[in-house]
Amino acid sequence: MKKRWALVVDDDEDSLLLLKRFLESMNVGVHVAQNGIEAVEFTGLMNVDIVFMDINMPILDGVRASKKLKEIREDLPIIGVTGEPLPLYIQADGSTEPFDQLLAKPINDEVISQALWNQELLWSDEEELAC
């Protein structure tokens, strides 16, 4: 089975390390960036399967960075992560654009696992055996 790679973007070191640890425990490789500019630069150079993007960051916030990432790779799943109420980021039409999904902090491994499953980046044991 092909190893999956995630880019975790967060200016808070504790949040970044926690998410990194959750993903690594699921056998997902992790690259990290501490702001939106680093994320955009990294995504232009490396191939990742999914991005977990903190929404509120200095320099280039998660919303603007995610829009730039979608210009680079329209099909790249981006999961917005925030400590603020999720309805702040839901559009009138119900979309969460530019994010494919939103997660509220604090997060845990079950929430991360479900996000990977939703983006078809995590398989059950039966599916893995069939590959």
N, C-alpha and C. Protein backbone atom coordinates (compact mmCIF):
# COMPACT_ATOMS: atom_id res chain seq x y z
N MET A 1 0.85 -1.18 0.00
CA MET A 1 0.00 0.00 0.00
C MET A 1 0.90 1.24 0.00
N LYS A 2 0.52 2.21 -0.79
CA LYS A 2 1.27 3.46 -0.91
C LYS A 2 1.17 4.27 0.39
N LYS A 3 2.32 4.73 0.86
CA LYS A 3 2.31 5.58 2.06
C LYS A 3 1.68 6.93 1.71
N ARG A 4 0.84 7.41 2.59
CA ARG A 4 0.20 8.71 2.44
C ARG A 4 1.02 9.76 3.15
N TRP A 5 0.99 11.00 2.60
CA TRP A 5 1.74 12.11 3.19
C TRP A 5 0.81 13.28 3.46
N ALA A 6 0.97 13.86 4.63
CA ALA A 6 0.17 15.02 5.03
C ALA A 6 1.10 16.21 5.28
N LEU A 7 0.57 17.39 5.02
CA LEU A 7 1.23 18.63 5.40
C LEU A 7 0.41 19.22 6.54
N VAL A 8 1.04 19.44 7.68
CA VAL A 8 0.38 20.03 8.83
C VAL A 8 0.89 21.46 8.96
N VAL A 9 -0.05 22.41 8.98
CA VAL A 9 0.31 23.83 9.02
C VAL A 9 -0.33 24.45 10.26
N ASP A 10 0.51 24.91 11.17
CA ASP A 10 0.00 25.53 12.39
C ASP A 10 1.12 26.36 13.01
N ASP A 11 0.79 27.55 13.48
CA ASP A 11 1.79 28.40 14.12
C ASP A 11 1.97 28.05 15.59
N ASP A 12 1.08 27.24 16.15
CA ASP A 12 1.18 26.82 17.54
C ASP A 12 1.92 25.48 17.59
N GLU A 13 3.10 25.49 18.17
CA GLU A 13 3.96 24.30 18.20
C GLU A 13 3.28 23.10 18.84
N ASP A 14 2.54 23.31 19.93
CA ASP A 14 1.87 22.20 20.61
C ASP A 14 0.82 21.56 19.71
N SER A 15 0.01 22.37 19.05
CA SER A 15 -1.02 21.85 18.14
C SER A 15 -0.38 21.11 16.98
N LEU A 16 0.68 21.68 16.44
CA LEU A 16 1.38 21.07 15.32
C LEU A 16 1.93 19.69 15.71
N LEU A 17 2.58 19.60 16.86
CA LEU A 17 3.16 18.33 17.30
C LEU A 17 2.10 17.30 17.63
N LEU A 18 0.99 17.72 18.20
CA LEU A 18 -0.10 16.79 18.52
C LEU A 18 -0.67 16.19 17.25
N LEU A 19 -0.98 17.01 16.27
CA LEU A 19 -1.52 16.53 15.01
C LEU A 19 -0.51 15.63 14.30
N LYS A 20 0.74 16.02 14.33
CA LYS A 20 1.81 15.22 13.73
C LYS A 20 1.86 13.83 14.37
N ARG A 21 1.78 13.79 15.68
CA ARG A 21 1.82 12.50 16.40
C ARG A 21 0.62 11.62 16.04
N PHE A 22 -0.58 12.21 15.99
CA PHE A 22 -1.77 11.45 15.61
C PHE A 22 -1.60 10.84 14.22
N LEU A 23 -1.16 11.65 13.27
CA LEU A 23 -1.01 11.17 11.89
C LEU A 23 0.06 10.08 11.79
N GLU A 24 1.18 10.29 12.44
CA GLU A 24 2.25 9.28 12.39
C GLU A 24 1.80 7.96 13.00
N SER A 25 0.95 8.01 14.02
CA SER A 25 0.44 6.78 14.63
C SER A 25 -0.47 6.01 13.67
N MET A 26 -0.96 6.69 12.62
CA MET A 26 -1.79 6.06 11.59
C MET A 26 -0.98 5.73 10.34
N ASN A 27 0.35 5.75 10.48
CA ASN A 27 1.28 5.46 9.39
C ASN A 27 1.18 6.45 8.24
N VAL A 28 0.88 7.70 8.57
CA VAL A 28 0.87 8.78 7.58
C VAL A 28 2.15 9.58 7.78
N GLY A 29 2.90 9.78 6.70
CA GLY A 29 4.09 10.62 6.77
C GLY A 29 3.68 12.07 6.94
N VAL A 30 4.48 12.84 7.65
CA VAL A 30 4.09 14.22 7.96
C VAL A 30 5.21 15.20 7.63
N HIS A 31 4.84 16.24 6.91
CA HIS A 31 5.68 17.41 6.71
C HIS A 31 5.01 18.54 7.49
N VAL A 32 5.78 19.50 7.97
CA VAL A 32 5.19 20.58 8.76
C VAL A 32 5.58 21.94 8.20
N ALA A 33 4.68 22.89 8.41
CA ALA A 33 4.92 24.30 8.08
C ALA A 33 4.31 25.11 9.21
N GLN A 34 4.89 26.27 9.50
CA GLN A 34 4.40 27.07 10.62
C GLN A 34 3.60 28.30 10.21
N ASN A 35 3.39 28.47 8.90
CA ASN A 35 2.51 29.56 8.44
C ASN A 35 2.09 29.27 7.01
N GLY A 36 1.17 30.07 6.52
CA GLY A 36 0.61 29.86 5.19
C GLY A 36 1.62 30.01 4.07
N ILE A 37 2.56 30.94 4.21
CA ILE A 37 3.57 31.12 3.16
C ILE A 37 4.43 29.87 3.04
N GLU A 38 4.86 29.32 4.16
CA GLU A 38 5.64 28.07 4.12
C GLU A 38 4.83 26.96 3.48
N ALA A 39 3.55 26.89 3.77
CA ALA A 39 2.68 25.84 3.21
C ALA A 39 2.59 25.96 1.69
N VAL A 40 2.41 27.17 1.20
CA VAL A 40 2.31 27.39 -0.25
C VAL A 40 3.63 27.04 -0.92
N GLU A 41 4.74 27.49 -0.34
CA GLU A 41 6.05 27.18 -0.91
C GLU A 41 6.30 25.68 -0.91
N PHE A 42 5.98 25.01 0.18
CA PHE A 42 6.21 23.58 0.30
C PHE A 42 5.37 22.80 -0.71
N THR A 43 4.10 23.16 -0.84
CA THR A 43 3.21 22.43 -1.73
C THR A 43 3.62 22.60 -3.18
N GLY A 44 4.25 23.71 -3.51
CA GLY A 44 4.75 23.90 -4.86
C GLY A 44 5.95 23.01 -5.17
N LEU A 45 6.61 22.53 -4.13
CA LEU A 45 7.82 21.72 -4.31
C LEU A 45 7.60 20.22 -4.09
N MET A 46 6.73 19.87 -3.18
CA MET A 46 6.55 18.47 -2.77
C MET A 46 5.11 18.01 -3.02
N ASN A 47 4.95 16.72 -3.13
CA ASN A 47 3.63 16.15 -3.32
C ASN A 47 3.10 15.64 -1.97
N VAL A 48 1.95 16.13 -1.57
CA VAL A 48 1.28 15.64 -0.37
C VAL A 48 -0.12 15.20 -0.75
N ASP A 49 -0.70 14.33 0.09
CA ASP A 49 -2.03 13.79 -0.18
C ASP A 49 -3.14 14.58 0.50
N ILE A 50 -2.79 15.31 1.56
CA ILE A 50 -3.79 16.05 2.33
C ILE A 50 -3.08 17.14 3.13
N VAL A 51 -3.80 18.21 3.41
CA VAL A 51 -3.27 19.31 4.23
C VAL A 51 -4.21 19.53 5.40
N PHE A 52 -3.63 19.64 6.59
CA PHE A 52 -4.37 20.06 7.78
C PHE A 52 -3.90 21.47 8.08
N MET A 53 -4.79 22.45 7.87
CA MET A 53 -4.44 23.87 7.90
C MET A 53 -5.11 24.59 9.06
N ASP A 54 -4.30 25.12 9.97
CA ASP A 54 -4.83 26.01 11.01
C ASP A 54 -5.40 27.23 10.29
N ILE A 55 -6.53 27.71 10.69
CA ILE A 55 -7.17 28.82 9.99
C ILE A 55 -6.59 30.17 10.41
N ASN A 56 -6.34 30.34 11.70
CA ASN A 56 -5.87 31.64 12.21
C ASN A 56 -4.38 31.61 12.48
N MET A 57 -3.63 32.19 11.55
CA MET A 57 -2.17 32.25 11.68
C MET A 57 -1.70 33.62 11.23
N PRO A 58 -0.56 34.04 11.77
CA PRO A 58 0.03 35.30 11.29
C PRO A 58 0.67 35.10 9.91
N ILE A 59 1.09 36.14 9.30
CA ILE A 59 1.78 36.19 8.01
C ILE A 59 0.81 35.91 6.86
N LEU A 60 0.31 34.69 6.74
CA LEU A 60 -0.70 34.36 5.73
C LEU A 60 -1.65 33.38 6.38
N ASP A 61 -2.90 33.81 6.61
CA ASP A 61 -3.85 32.98 7.34
C ASP A 61 -4.25 31.75 6.53
N GLY A 62 -4.91 30.82 7.20
CA GLY A 62 -5.27 29.55 6.58
C GLY A 62 -6.25 29.66 5.43
N VAL A 63 -7.15 30.61 5.48
CA VAL A 63 -8.12 30.78 4.38
C VAL A 63 -7.39 31.22 3.11
N ARG A 64 -6.59 32.26 3.22
CA ARG A 64 -5.87 32.76 2.02
C ARG A 64 -4.84 31.74 1.53
N ALA A 65 -4.15 31.09 2.46
CA ALA A 65 -3.18 30.06 2.06
C ALA A 65 -3.87 28.91 1.35
N SER A 66 -5.04 28.49 1.85
CA SER A 66 -5.76 27.39 1.23
C SER A 66 -6.24 27.74 -0.18
N LYS A 67 -6.66 28.98 -0.38
CA LYS A 67 -7.05 29.42 -1.72
C LYS A 67 -5.86 29.33 -2.67
N LYS A 68 -4.68 29.73 -2.20
CA LYS A 68 -3.48 29.64 -3.04
C LYS A 68 -3.12 28.19 -3.32
N LEU A 69 -3.27 27.31 -2.32
CA LEU A 69 -2.99 25.89 -2.52
C LEU A 69 -3.93 25.28 -3.55
N LYS A 70 -5.19 25.68 -3.52
CA LYS A 70 -6.17 25.16 -4.49
C LYS A 70 -5.84 25.65 -5.91
N GLU A 71 -5.19 26.82 -6.04
CA GLU A 71 -4.73 27.28 -7.35
C GLU A 71 -3.60 26.39 -7.87
N ILE A 72 -2.76 25.90 -6.95
CA ILE A 72 -1.66 25.02 -7.32
C ILE A 72 -2.17 23.62 -7.63
N ARG A 73 -3.03 23.11 -6.75
CA ARG A 73 -3.58 21.76 -6.89
C ARG A 73 -5.05 21.77 -6.49
N GLU A 74 -5.91 21.90 -7.45
CA GLU A 74 -7.34 22.01 -7.20
C GLU A 74 -7.90 20.79 -6.46
N ASP A 75 -7.34 19.62 -6.71
CA ASP A 75 -7.84 18.39 -6.12
C ASP A 75 -7.26 18.07 -4.74
N LEU A 76 -6.41 18.94 -4.21
CA LEU A 76 -5.76 18.69 -2.92
C LEU A 76 -6.76 18.85 -1.78
N PRO A 77 -7.00 17.79 -1.00
CA PRO A 77 -7.91 17.93 0.15
C PRO A 77 -7.26 18.79 1.24
N ILE A 78 -8.01 19.81 1.68
CA ILE A 78 -7.52 20.69 2.74
C ILE A 78 -8.54 20.68 3.87
N ILE A 79 -8.06 20.31 5.05
CA ILE A 79 -8.89 20.25 6.24
C ILE A 79 -8.57 21.48 7.08
N GLY A 80 -9.55 22.35 7.26
CA GLY A 80 -9.38 23.53 8.09
C GLY A 80 -9.52 23.17 9.56
N VAL A 81 -8.59 23.64 10.39
CA VAL A 81 -8.60 23.35 11.81
C VAL A 81 -8.63 24.68 12.57
N THR A 82 -9.58 24.80 13.50
CA THR A 82 -9.71 26.08 14.21
C THR A 82 -10.21 25.88 15.64
N GLY A 83 -9.84 26.81 16.48
CA GLY A 83 -10.35 26.86 17.84
C GLY A 83 -11.60 27.72 17.95
N GLU A 84 -11.96 28.37 16.85
CA GLU A 84 -13.16 29.22 16.83
C GLU A 84 -14.39 28.39 16.45
N PRO A 85 -15.58 28.93 16.67
CA PRO A 85 -16.79 28.20 16.28
C PRO A 85 -16.80 27.93 14.77
N LEU A 86 -17.09 26.70 14.39
CA LEU A 86 -17.08 26.31 12.98
C LEU A 86 -18.05 27.11 12.11
N PRO A 87 -19.22 27.51 12.61
CA PRO A 87 -20.14 28.27 11.75
C PRO A 87 -19.54 29.56 11.17
N LEU A 88 -18.49 30.09 11.78
CA LEU A 88 -17.84 31.28 11.24
C LEU A 88 -17.26 31.04 9.85
N TYR A 89 -16.99 29.77 9.52
CA TYR A 89 -16.34 29.43 8.27
C TYR A 89 -17.23 28.68 7.29
N ILE A 90 -18.52 28.63 7.61
CA ILE A 90 -19.47 27.98 6.70
C ILE A 90 -20.19 29.06 5.91
N GLN A 91 -20.13 28.93 4.57
CA GLN A 91 -20.74 29.92 3.67
C GLN A 91 -22.27 29.83 3.73
N ALA A 92 -22.94 30.82 3.21
CA ALA A 92 -24.40 30.85 3.18
C ALA A 92 -24.98 29.64 2.46
N ASP A 93 -24.25 29.15 1.45
CA ASP A 93 -24.75 27.99 0.70
C ASP A 93 -24.39 26.66 1.36
N GLY A 94 -23.76 26.71 2.54
CA GLY A 94 -23.41 25.51 3.29
C GLY A 94 -22.01 24.99 2.99
N SER A 95 -21.31 25.59 2.03
CA SER A 95 -19.97 25.11 1.71
C SER A 95 -18.96 25.61 2.74
N THR A 96 -17.83 24.96 2.76
CA THR A 96 -16.74 25.35 3.67
C THR A 96 -15.53 25.81 2.87
N GLU A 97 -15.76 26.21 1.64
CA GLU A 97 -14.69 26.63 0.73
C GLU A 97 -13.80 27.70 1.35
N PRO A 98 -12.51 27.59 1.25
CA PRO A 98 -11.72 26.71 0.39
C PRO A 98 -11.39 25.36 1.02
N PHE A 99 -11.97 25.09 2.18
CA PHE A 99 -11.68 23.83 2.87
C PHE A 99 -12.61 22.73 2.42
N ASP A 100 -12.09 21.52 2.40
CA ASP A 100 -12.92 20.36 2.08
C ASP A 100 -13.67 19.87 3.31
N GLN A 101 -13.15 20.21 4.47
CA GLN A 101 -13.76 19.82 5.74
C GLN A 101 -13.22 20.75 6.82
N LEU A 102 -14.00 20.93 7.88
CA LEU A 102 -13.56 21.73 9.02
C LEU A 102 -13.50 20.86 10.27
N LEU A 103 -12.49 21.09 11.10
CA LEU A 103 -12.37 20.42 12.39
C LEU A 103 -12.20 21.46 13.47
N ALA A 104 -12.86 21.22 14.61
CA ALA A 104 -12.74 22.13 15.74
C ALA A 104 -11.70 21.60 16.72
N LYS A 105 -10.85 22.51 17.20
CA LYS A 105 -9.90 22.15 18.26
C LYS A 105 -10.65 22.11 19.57
N PRO A 106 -10.30 21.29 20.52
CA PRO A 106 -9.19 20.34 20.43
C PRO A 106 -9.59 19.14 19.58
N ILE A 107 -8.60 18.57 18.90
CA ILE A 107 -8.85 17.42 18.06
C ILE A 107 -8.27 16.17 18.72
N ASN A 108 -8.70 15.01 18.24
CA ASN A 108 -8.17 13.75 18.76
C ASN A 108 -7.96 12.79 17.59
N ASP A 109 -7.41 11.63 17.88
CA ASP A 109 -7.08 10.69 16.81
C ASP A 109 -8.31 10.18 16.07
N GLU A 110 -9.46 10.07 16.74
CA GLU A 110 -10.68 9.61 16.06
C GLU A 110 -11.14 10.63 15.02
N VAL A 111 -11.06 11.90 15.35
CA VAL A 111 -11.45 12.96 14.42
C VAL A 111 -10.52 12.98 13.21
N ILE A 112 -9.22 12.81 13.46
CA ILE A 112 -8.24 12.78 12.37
C ILE A 112 -8.47 11.56 11.50
N SER A 113 -8.70 10.42 12.11
CA SER A 113 -8.98 9.20 11.35
C SER A 113 -10.20 9.37 10.46
N GLN A 114 -11.25 9.98 11.00
CA GLN A 114 -12.47 10.20 10.22
C GLN A 114 -12.21 11.16 9.06
N ALA A 115 -11.40 12.18 9.28
CA ALA A 115 -11.07 13.12 8.20
C ALA A 115 -10.32 12.40 7.08
N LEU A 116 -9.38 11.53 7.43
CA LEU A 116 -8.65 10.75 6.42
C LEU A 116 -9.59 9.82 5.68
N TRP A 117 -10.48 9.18 6.42
CA TRP A 117 -11.47 8.27 5.82
C TRP A 117 -12.37 9.05 4.85
N ASN A 118 -12.84 10.22 5.26
CA ASN A 118 -13.71 11.04 4.41
C ASN A 118 -13.03 11.42 3.09
N GLN A 119 -11.73 11.60 3.13
CA GLN A 119 -10.97 11.98 1.93
C GLN A 119 -10.42 10.75 1.21
N GLU A 120 -10.87 9.56 1.65
CA GLU A 120 -10.46 8.29 1.04
C GLU A 120 -8.95 8.08 1.10
N LEU A 121 -8.35 8.49 2.21
CA LEU A 121 -6.91 8.33 2.42
C LEU A 121 -6.59 7.33 3.52
N LEU A 122 -7.62 6.66 4.03
CA LEU A 122 -7.43 5.67 5.08
C LEU A 122 -8.34 4.50 4.74
N TRP A 123 -7.78 3.30 4.85
CA TRP A 123 -8.55 2.11 4.50
C TRP A 123 -8.77 1.26 5.71
N SER A 124 -9.86 0.46 5.65
CA SER A 124 -10.08 -0.53 6.69
C SER A 124 -9.12 -1.69 6.45
N ASP A 125 -8.97 -2.57 7.42
CA ASP A 125 -8.07 -3.72 7.29
C ASP A 125 -8.49 -4.60 6.11
N GLU A 126 -9.80 -4.78 5.89
CA GLU A 126 -10.26 -5.61 4.79
C GLU A 126 -9.87 -5.01 3.44
N GLU A 127 -10.02 -3.72 3.28
CA GLU A 127 -9.66 -3.07 2.03
C GLU A 127 -8.15 -3.15 1.79
N GLU A 128 -7.38 -3.03 2.86
CA GLU A 128 -5.93 -3.10 2.73
C GLU A 128 -5.50 -4.49 2.27
N LEU A 129 -6.15 -5.54 2.79
CA LEU A 129 -5.82 -6.90 2.40
C LEU A 129 -6.19 -7.18 0.95
N ALA A 130 -7.21 -6.52 0.46
CA ALA A 130 -7.66 -6.72 -0.93
C ALA A 130 -6.73 -6.07 -1.94
N CYS A 131 -5.91 -5.10 -1.51
CA CYS A 131 -5.01 -4.39 -2.43
C CYS A 131 -3.88 -5.27 -2.91
